[in-house]
């Protein structure tokens, strides 16, 4: 049994979300950050990454690994 629900499909649960003090929502999309080279990660300013809201979701969405827990009936 999987504990995943459609209600979790939000930017705040995406594995690419980044906390950002320079954004008015406090969040930025880190998809390009995590898929870019290590050198570009250090060079680009946070303003390069788009501001997002916690309730949004896009086609790049990927659920954070810790929220993909499944129920193991043998662990009871």
Protein backbone atom coordinates (compact mmCIF):
# COMPACT_ATOMS: atom_id res chain seq x y z
CA UNK A 1 0.00 0.00 0.00
CA UNK A 2 1.48 3.31 -1.03
CA UNK A 3 1.00 6.40 1.18
CA UNK A 4 1.31 8.71 -1.83
CA UNK A 5 -1.69 10.91 -2.53
CA UNK A 6 -2.45 13.49 -5.20
CA UNK A 7 -2.57 16.15 -2.47
CA UNK A 8 1.22 15.83 -2.18
CA UNK A 9 1.72 17.02 -5.77
CA UNK A 10 2.78 20.52 -4.86
CA UNK A 11 6.01 22.47 -5.21
CA UNK A 12 6.56 22.28 -1.45
CA UNK A 13 6.92 18.47 -1.74
CA UNK A 14 9.00 18.47 -4.94
CA UNK A 15 12.56 17.25 -4.67
CA UNK A 16 13.74 20.27 -6.69
CA UNK A 17 12.34 22.99 -4.39
CA UNK A 18 14.93 25.35 -2.87
CA UNK A 19 14.52 27.67 0.11
CA UNK A 20 15.30 31.26 -0.88
CA UNK A 21 15.42 34.43 1.18
CA UNK A 22 15.51 36.50 -2.02
CA UNK A 23 12.11 35.29 -3.21
CA UNK A 24 8.83 36.78 -1.97
CA UNK A 25 7.41 33.27 -1.44
CA UNK A 26 10.58 31.87 0.14
CA UNK A 27 10.85 29.18 -2.55
CA UNK A 28 12.52 28.78 -5.92
CA UNK A 29 12.48 25.97 -8.47
CA UNK A 30 15.81 24.19 -8.40
CA UNK A 31 15.24 21.89 -11.37
CA UNK A 32 17.96 23.62 -13.42
CA UNK A 33 20.22 23.74 -10.36
CA UNK A 34 20.10 20.00 -9.75
CA UNK A 35 20.38 19.13 -13.45
CA UNK A 36 23.21 21.57 -14.19
CA UNK A 37 26.94 21.08 -13.82
CA UNK A 38 28.61 21.57 -10.46
CA UNK A 39 30.43 24.64 -11.76
CA UNK A 40 27.19 26.38 -12.76
CA UNK A 41 25.71 25.69 -9.33
CA UNK A 42 28.31 27.96 -7.76
CA UNK A 43 28.21 30.67 -10.45
CA UNK A 44 24.48 31.33 -10.82
CA UNK A 45 22.70 33.66 -8.44
CA UNK A 46 19.48 32.54 -6.78
CA UNK A 47 17.62 35.09 -8.92
CA UNK A 48 18.36 32.86 -11.94
CA UNK A 49 15.92 30.25 -10.58
CA UNK A 50 12.20 30.99 -10.92
CA UNK A 51 10.12 31.97 -7.89
CA UNK A 52 7.43 29.40 -7.08
CA UNK A 53 4.51 29.06 -4.67
CA UNK A 54 4.20 26.08 -2.31
CA UNK A 55 0.82 25.11 -3.85
CA UNK A 56 1.97 25.12 -7.51
CA UNK A 57 2.99 22.06 -9.49
CA UNK A 58 4.54 21.68 -12.96
CA UNK A 59 5.61 19.01 -15.44
CA UNK A 60 9.07 18.85 -13.79
CA UNK A 61 7.54 17.74 -10.48
CA UNK A 62 9.22 14.85 -8.71
CA UNK A 63 8.12 13.81 -5.23
CA UNK A 64 10.73 14.05 -2.49
CA UNK A 65 12.08 10.59 -1.61
CA UNK A 66 11.11 10.78 2.08
CA UNK A 67 7.45 11.22 1.14
CA UNK A 68 7.43 8.06 -0.97
CA UNK A 69 7.25 5.66 1.94
CA UNK A 70 5.29 2.50 1.43
CA UNK A 71 3.51 0.45 4.03
CA UNK A 72 5.27 -2.80 4.92
CA UNK A 73 2.76 -5.27 6.41
CA UNK A 74 5.57 -7.28 8.03
CA UNK A 75 6.75 -4.32 10.11
CA UNK A 76 3.72 -4.39 12.42
